[in-house]
C-alpha atoms as a PDB file:
ATOM      1  CA  MET A   1      44.030 -93.853 -58.856  1.00  0.00           C
ATOM      2  CA  THR A   2      45.866 -90.955 -57.370  1.00  0.00           C
ATOM      3  CA  ARG A   3      49.104 -92.416 -58.333  1.00  0.00           C
ATOM      4  CA  MET A   4      48.098 -93.228 -61.909  1.00  0.00           C
ATOM      5  CA  VAL A   5      46.907 -89.472 -62.164  1.00  0.00           C
ATOM      6  CA  SER A   6      50.108 -88.271 -61.025  1.00  0.00           C
ATOM      7  CA  ILE A   7      52.074 -90.395 -63.544  1.00  0.00           C
ATOM      8  CA  LEU A   8      49.881 -89.154 -66.404  1.00  0.00           C
ATOM      9  CA  ARG A   9      50.424 -85.594 -65.278  1.00  0.00           C
ATOM     10  CA  ALA A  10      54.118 -86.137 -65.400  1.00  0.00           C
ATOM     11  CA  VAL A  11      54.112 -87.846 -68.651  1.00  0.00           C
ATOM     12  CA  ALA A  12      51.706 -85.426 -70.296  1.00  0.00           C
ATOM     13  CA  VAL A  13      51.140 -87.484 -73.339  1.00  0.00           C
ATOM     14  CA  SER A  14      48.175 -86.955 -75.534  1.00  0.00           C
ATOM     15  CA  LEU A  15      46.309 -89.076 -78.082  1.00  0.00           C
ATOM     16  CA  SER A  16      44.863 -86.926 -80.933  1.00  0.00           C
ATOM     17  CA  GLY A  17      44.269 -83.980 -78.778  1.00  0.00           C
ATOM     18  CA  ILE A  18      42.617 -86.009 -75.769  1.00  0.00           C
ATOM     19  CA  SER A  19      45.202 -86.308 -72.895  1.00  0.00           C
ATOM     20  CA  LEU A  20      45.702 -89.455 -70.961  1.00  0.00           C
ATOM     21  CA  LEU A  21      44.735 -87.513 -67.956  1.00  0.00           C
ATOM     22  CA  THR A  22      41.430 -86.638 -69.214  1.00  0.00           C
ATOM     23  CA  LEU A  23      40.847 -90.430 -70.244  1.00  0.00           C
ATOM     24  CA  ALA A  24      41.712 -91.536 -66.854  1.00  0.00           C
ATOM     25  CA  ALA A  25      39.356 -89.160 -65.277  1.00  0.00           C
ATOM     26  CA  GLN A  26      36.691 -90.204 -67.573  1.00  0.00           C
ATOM     27  CA  ALA A  27      37.276 -93.828 -67.055  1.00  0.00           C
ATOM     28  CA  GLN A  28      35.347 -93.722 -63.857  1.00  0.00           C
ATOM     29  CA  GLU A  29      32.233 -92.877 -65.997  1.00  0.00           C
ATOM     30  CA  ILE A  30      32.570 -95.854 -68.335  1.00  0.00           C
ATOM     31  CA  LYS A  31      30.127 -98.732 -67.621  1.00  0.00           C
ATOM     32  CA  LEU A  32      30.343-100.640 -70.832  1.00  0.00           C
ATOM     33  CA  ILE A  33      31.620 -99.741 -74.413  1.00  0.00           C
ATOM     34  CA  VAL A  34      30.012-101.704 -77.096  1.00  0.00           C
ATOM     35  CA  ARG A  35      31.904-101.282 -80.439  1.00  0.00           C
ATOM     36  CA  GLY A  36      30.842-102.407 -83.846  1.00  0.00           C
ATOM     37  CA  ASP A  37      32.814-102.547 -87.076  1.00  0.00           C
ATOM     38  CA  ASP A  38      32.561-103.057 -90.789  1.00  0.00           C
ATOM     39  CA  LEU A  39      30.170-100.168 -91.132  1.00  0.00           C
ATOM     40  CA  GLY A  40      29.922 -99.704 -94.903  1.00  0.00           C
ATOM     41  CA  MET A  41      30.943-103.189 -95.782  1.00  0.00           C
ATOM     42  CA  THR A  42      27.267-103.961 -96.778  1.00  0.00           C
ATOM     43  CA  GLN A  43      24.222-101.962 -97.441  1.00  0.00           C
ATOM     44  CA  GLY A  44      22.622-103.789 -94.472  1.00  0.00           C
ATOM     45  CA  SER A  45      25.359-102.683 -92.184  1.00  0.00           C
ATOM     46  CA  LEU A  46      24.012 -99.079 -92.503  1.00  0.00           C
ATOM     47  CA  ALA A  47      20.509 -99.887 -91.315  1.00  0.00           C
ATOM     48  CA  ALA A  48      21.804-102.186 -88.530  1.00  0.00           C
ATOM     49  CA  PHE A  49      24.361 -99.519 -87.105  1.00  0.00           C
ATOM     50  CA  GLU A  50      21.757 -96.797 -87.216  1.00  0.00           C
ATOM     51  CA  LYS A  51      19.266 -99.100 -85.363  1.00  0.00           C
ATOM     52  CA  ALA A  52      21.886-100.281 -82.705  1.00  0.00           C
ATOM     53  CA  PHE A  53      23.159 -96.669 -82.128  1.00  0.00           C
ATOM     54  CA  ASN A  54      19.871 -95.109 -81.921  1.00  0.00           C
ATOM     55  CA  GLN A  55      18.511 -97.869 -79.410  1.00  0.00           C
ATOM     56  CA  GLY A  56      21.732 -97.258 -77.345  1.00  0.00           C
ATOM     57  CA  VAL A  57      23.235-100.744 -78.118  1.00  0.00           C
ATOM     58  CA  LEU A  58      26.271 -99.312 -79.725  1.00  0.00           C
ATOM     59  CA  THR A  59      28.541 -96.663 -77.911  1.00  0.00           C
ATOM     60  CA  SER A  60      31.005 -96.681 -80.828  1.00  0.00           C
ATOM     61  CA  GLY A  61      31.380 -97.829 -84.503  1.00  0.00           C
ATOM     62  CA  ALA A  62      34.068 -98.064 -87.030  1.00  0.00           C
ATOM     63  CA  ILE A  63      33.845 -97.447 -90.820  1.00  0.00           C
ATOM     64  CA  VAL A  64      35.406 -99.629 -93.475  1.00  0.00           C
ATOM     65  CA  VAL A  65      36.728 -97.059 -95.955  1.00  0.00           C
ATOM     66  CA  PRO A  66      37.495 -99.550 -98.733  1.00  0.00           C
ATOM     67  CA  GLY A  67      34.187-101.040 -98.406  1.00  0.00           C
ATOM     68  CA  PRO A  68      31.575-100.713-101.117  1.00  0.00           C
ATOM     69  CA  TRP A  69      29.035 -98.837 -98.962  1.00  0.00           C
ATOM     70  CA  PHE A  70      31.515 -96.287 -97.606  1.00  0.00           C
ATOM     71  CA  GLU A  71      30.237 -93.285 -99.002  1.00  0.00           C
ATOM     72  CA  ALA A  72      26.700 -94.069 -97.677  1.00  0.00           C
ATOM     73  CA  ALA A  73      28.320 -94.817 -94.224  1.00  0.00           C
ATOM     74  CA  ALA A  74      30.129 -91.424 -94.264  1.00  0.00           C
ATOM     75  CA  GLU A  75      26.788 -89.609 -94.911  1.00  0.00           C
ATOM     76  CA  LEU A  76      25.246 -91.650 -92.154  1.00  0.00           C
ATOM     77  CA  ALA A  77      28.154 -90.612 -89.728  1.00  0.00           C
ATOM     78  CA  ARG A  78      27.756 -86.822 -90.895  1.00  0.00           C
ATOM     79  CA  ARG A  79      23.944 -86.866 -90.213  1.00  0.00           C
ATOM     80  CA  ASN A  80      24.634 -88.242 -86.850  1.00  0.00           C
ATOM     81  CA  PRO A  81      27.529 -86.152 -85.240  1.00  0.00           C
ATOM     82  CA  GLY A  82      26.776 -87.462 -81.786  1.00  0.00           C
ATOM     83  CA  TRP A  83      27.980 -90.909 -82.721  1.00  0.00           C
ATOM     84  CA  CYS A  84      31.450 -92.091 -81.662  1.00  0.00           C
ATOM     85  CA  ILE A  85      32.994 -93.089 -85.124  1.00  0.00           C
ATOM     86  CA  GLY A  86      36.258 -94.432 -85.920  1.00  0.00           C
ATOM     87  CA  VAL A  87      38.022 -95.828 -88.935  1.00  0.00           C
ATOM     88  CA  HIS A  88      38.376 -99.574 -89.262  1.00  0.00           C
ATOM     89  CA  LEU A  89      41.824 -99.710 -91.066  1.00  0.00           C
ATOM     90  CA  CYS A  90      41.840-102.440 -93.939  1.00  0.00           C
ATOM     91  CA  LEU A  91      44.827-104.129 -95.258  1.00  0.00           C
ATOM     92  CA  VAL A  92      42.868-107.326 -96.212  1.00  0.00           C
ATOM     93  CA  GLY A  93      39.599-108.048 -97.743  1.00  0.00           C
ATOM     94  CA  GLU A  94      38.698-111.491 -96.828  1.00  0.00           C
ATOM     95  CA  TRP A  95      35.365-112.105 -98.304  1.00  0.00           C
ATOM     96  CA  ARG A  96      35.130-114.503-101.397  1.00  0.00           C
ATOM     97  CA  GLY A  97      33.232-112.918-104.247  1.00  0.00           C
ATOM     98  CA  PHE A  98      33.203-109.585-102.400  1.00  0.00           C
ATOM     99  CA  ARG A  99      36.640-108.132-102.974  1.00  0.00           C
ATOM    100  CA  TRP A 100      38.074-104.871-101.740  1.00  0.00           C
ATOM    101  CA  ARG A 101      40.621-102.617-103.402  1.00  0.00           C
ATOM    102  CA  PRO A 102      42.840-100.173-101.403  1.00  0.00           C
ATOM    103  CA  VAL A 103      41.779 -96.525-101.380  1.00  0.00           C
ATOM    104  CA  LEU A 104      45.044 -95.536-103.207  1.00  0.00           C
ATOM    105  CA  PRO A 105      45.666 -96.288-106.824  1.00  0.00           C
ATOM    106  CA  TRP A 106      46.569 -99.978-106.823  1.00  0.00           C
ATOM    107  CA  ASP A 107      49.791 -99.189-108.739  1.00  0.00           C
ATOM    108  CA  GLN A 108      50.911 -96.999-105.806  1.00  0.00           C
ATOM    109  CA  VAL A 109      50.621 -99.966-103.301  1.00  0.00           C
ATOM    110  CA  ARG A 110      51.594-102.914-105.453  1.00  0.00           C
ATOM    111  CA  SER A 111      53.166-104.840-102.786  1.00  0.00           C
ATOM    112  CA  MET A 112      49.873-104.931-100.814  1.00  0.00           C
ATOM    113  CA  VAL A 113      47.548-106.139-103.588  1.00  0.00           C
ATOM    114  CA  ASP A 114      47.189-109.188-105.869  1.00  0.00           C
ATOM    115  CA  ALA A 115      47.703-109.146-109.750  1.00  0.00           C
ATOM    116  CA  ASP A 116      44.153-107.783-110.177  1.00  0.00           C
ATOM    117  CA  GLY A 117      44.576-104.867-107.724  1.00  0.00           C
ATOM    118  CA  TYR A 118      42.486-106.455-104.887  1.00  0.00           C
ATOM    119  CA  LEU A 119      43.601-106.486-101.331  1.00  0.00           C
ATOM    120  CA  HIS A 120      44.835-109.917-100.284  1.00  0.00           C
ATOM    121  CA  THR A 121      42.358-112.384 -98.584  1.00  0.00           C
ATOM    122  CA  SER A 122      44.192-112.972 -95.437  1.00  0.00           C
ATOM    123  CA  PRO A 123      46.956-111.600 -93.175  1.00  0.00           C
ATOM    124  CA  ARG A 124      49.072-114.466 -93.978  1.00  0.00           C
ATOM    125  CA  GLU A 125      48.619-114.089 -97.588  1.00  0.00           C
ATOM    126  CA  LEU A 126      49.439-110.335 -97.285  1.00  0.00           C
ATOM    127  CA  PHE A 127      52.496-110.897 -95.206  1.00  0.00           C
ATOM    128  CA  ALA A 128      53.954-113.737 -97.254  1.00  0.00           C
ATOM    129  CA  ARG A 129      54.283-111.258-100.040  1.00  0.00           C
ATOM    130  CA  GLN A 130      56.475-108.953 -97.688  1.00  0.00           C
ATOM    131  CA  PRO A 131      54.462-105.829 -98.313  1.00  0.00           C
ATOM    132  CA  LYS A 132      56.316-102.390 -98.101  1.00  0.00           C
ATOM    133  CA  LEU A 133      55.922-100.619 -94.849  1.00  0.00           C
ATOM    134  CA  GLU A 134      55.856 -97.412 -96.749  1.00  0.00           C
ATOM    135  CA  GLU A 135      53.012 -98.578 -98.880  1.00  0.00           C
ATOM    136  CA  ILE A 136      51.059 -99.743 -95.915  1.00  0.00           C
ATOM    137  CA  ASP A 137      51.657 -96.478 -94.196  1.00  0.00           C
ATOM    138  CA  ALA A 138      50.451 -94.618 -97.224  1.00  0.00           C
ATOM    139  CA  GLU A 139      47.182 -96.770 -97.556  1.00  0.00           C
ATOM    140  CA  LEU A 140      46.481 -96.349 -93.831  1.00  0.00           C
ATOM    141  CA  ARG A 141      46.744 -92.757 -93.968  1.00  0.00           C
ATOM    142  CA  ALA A 142      44.798 -92.475 -97.298  1.00  0.00           C
ATOM    143  CA  GLN A 143      41.974 -94.309 -95.550  1.00  0.00           C
ATOM    144  CA  ILE A 144      41.859 -91.908 -92.524  1.00  0.00           C
ATOM    145  CA  ASN A 145      42.110 -89.047 -94.859  1.00  0.00           C
ATOM    146  CA  LEU A 146      39.459 -90.005 -96.872  1.00  0.00           C
ATOM    147  CA  ALA A 147      37.091 -90.615 -94.115  1.00  0.00           C
ATOM    148  CA  LYS A 148      37.882 -87.089 -92.956  1.00  0.00           C
ATOM    149  CA  LYS A 149      37.451 -85.735 -96.468  1.00  0.00           C
ATOM    150  CA  ARG A 150      34.067 -87.045 -96.349  1.00  0.00           C
ATOM    151  CA  GLY A 151      33.201 -85.268 -93.346  1.00  0.00           C
ATOM    152  CA  VAL A 152      33.417 -88.123 -90.874  1.00  0.00           C
ATOM    153  CA  ASN A 153      34.389 -86.932 -87.311  1.00  0.00           C
ATOM    154  CA  VAL A 154      37.055 -89.521 -86.725  1.00  0.00           C
ATOM    155  CA  GLN A 155      37.528 -90.375 -83.219  1.00  0.00           C
ATOM    156  CA  TYR A 156      39.545 -93.461 -83.034  1.00  0.00           C
ATOM    157  CA  ILE A 157      41.170 -96.068 -85.367  1.00  0.00           C
ATOM    158  CA  ASP A 158      41.398 -99.710 -85.188  1.00  0.00           C
ATOM    159  CA  LEU A 159      42.466-102.712 -87.350  1.00  0.00           C
ATOM    160  CA  HIS A 160      40.455-105.011 -89.441  1.00  0.00           C
ATOM    161  CA  TYR A 161      41.490-108.490 -89.246  1.00  0.00           C
ATOM    162  CA  VAL A 162      45.161-107.752 -89.024  1.00  0.00           C
ATOM    163  CA  SER A 163      45.959-107.373 -85.098  1.00  0.00           C
ATOM    164  CA  GLY A 164      48.961-108.670 -83.471  1.00  0.00           C
ATOM    165  CA  CYS A 165      51.481-107.537 -86.094  1.00  0.00           C
ATOM    166  CA  PRO A 166      53.666-105.075 -84.269  1.00  0.00           C
ATOM    167  CA  ARG A 167      54.697-103.170 -87.465  1.00  0.00           C
ATOM    168  CA  ILE A 168      50.889-102.569 -88.118  1.00  0.00           C
ATOM    169  CA  SER A 169      49.426-102.425 -84.742  1.00  0.00           C
ATOM    170  CA  SER A 170      51.598 -99.376 -83.761  1.00  0.00           C
ATOM    171  CA  HIS A 171      49.320 -97.289 -86.324  1.00  0.00           C
ATOM    172  CA  SER A 172      46.020 -98.252 -84.473  1.00  0.00           C
ATOM    173  CA  GLU A 173      47.641 -97.141 -81.074  1.00  0.00           C
ATOM    174  CA  GLN A 174      47.663 -93.604 -82.384  1.00  0.00           C
ATOM    175  CA  GLY A 175      43.921 -93.404 -82.141  1.00  0.00           C
ATOM    176  CA  ALA A 176      41.706 -91.329 -79.817  1.00  0.00           C
ATOM    177  CA  SER A 177      38.928 -92.248 -77.635  1.00  0.00           C
ATOM    178  CA  CYS A 178      35.433 -91.214 -77.785  1.00  0.00           C
ATOM    179  CA  SER A 179      34.594 -88.331 -75.442  1.00  0.00           C
ATOM    180  CA  SER A 180      32.296 -89.176 -72.463  1.00  0.00           C
ATOM    181  CA  SER A 181      29.653 -86.986 -73.915  1.00  0.00           C
ATOM    182  CA  ASN A 182      29.314 -89.381 -76.783  1.00  0.00           C
ATOM    183  CA  ARG A 183      29.196 -92.310 -74.569  1.00  0.00           C
ATOM    184  CA  ALA A 184      26.787 -90.861 -71.664  1.00  0.00           C
ATOM    185  CA  SER A 185      23.681 -91.376 -73.572  1.00  0.00           C
ATOM    186  CA  ARG A 186      24.398 -94.985 -74.603  1.00  0.00           C
ATOM    187  CA  VAL A 187      25.941 -96.451 -71.525  1.00  0.00           C
END
């Protein structure tokens, strides 16, 4: 552990204001992290997340900004500032009969949407259409910015259903971890 701390001191890299040194020191406190995602996807997700957080089951949860219940999820997050909340970045909406649109006007992200302006239903479908990286970047930033604009204290970011793509996954590596004070009561 001492060697790791020395290396981290030398590198002095930070993730959204939380240094890796701090994260390494806090790592000894971590017993179990239970993360939920898709908060705001359905009305039922709101009650489920609230119950799971309040009963100490969840230690973190990620909001789906393009989800139909995003506004209510953002309100729930604002009312519970002690929760560790992230943004679950979305490039696809895989549910049949339950389609999502991007946060940006769809004519600004045409390479990411189908002819009707909906997000594609799978990573395969999305990447078969060779989306423009600039549009993906703009949409992911818009999702984070909208969450912040709605008062969500964004503490980390992760990806919805599109992991393993190096071009996209690098965005999620820029997220922050939740502080130990947010974890402590739920570990």
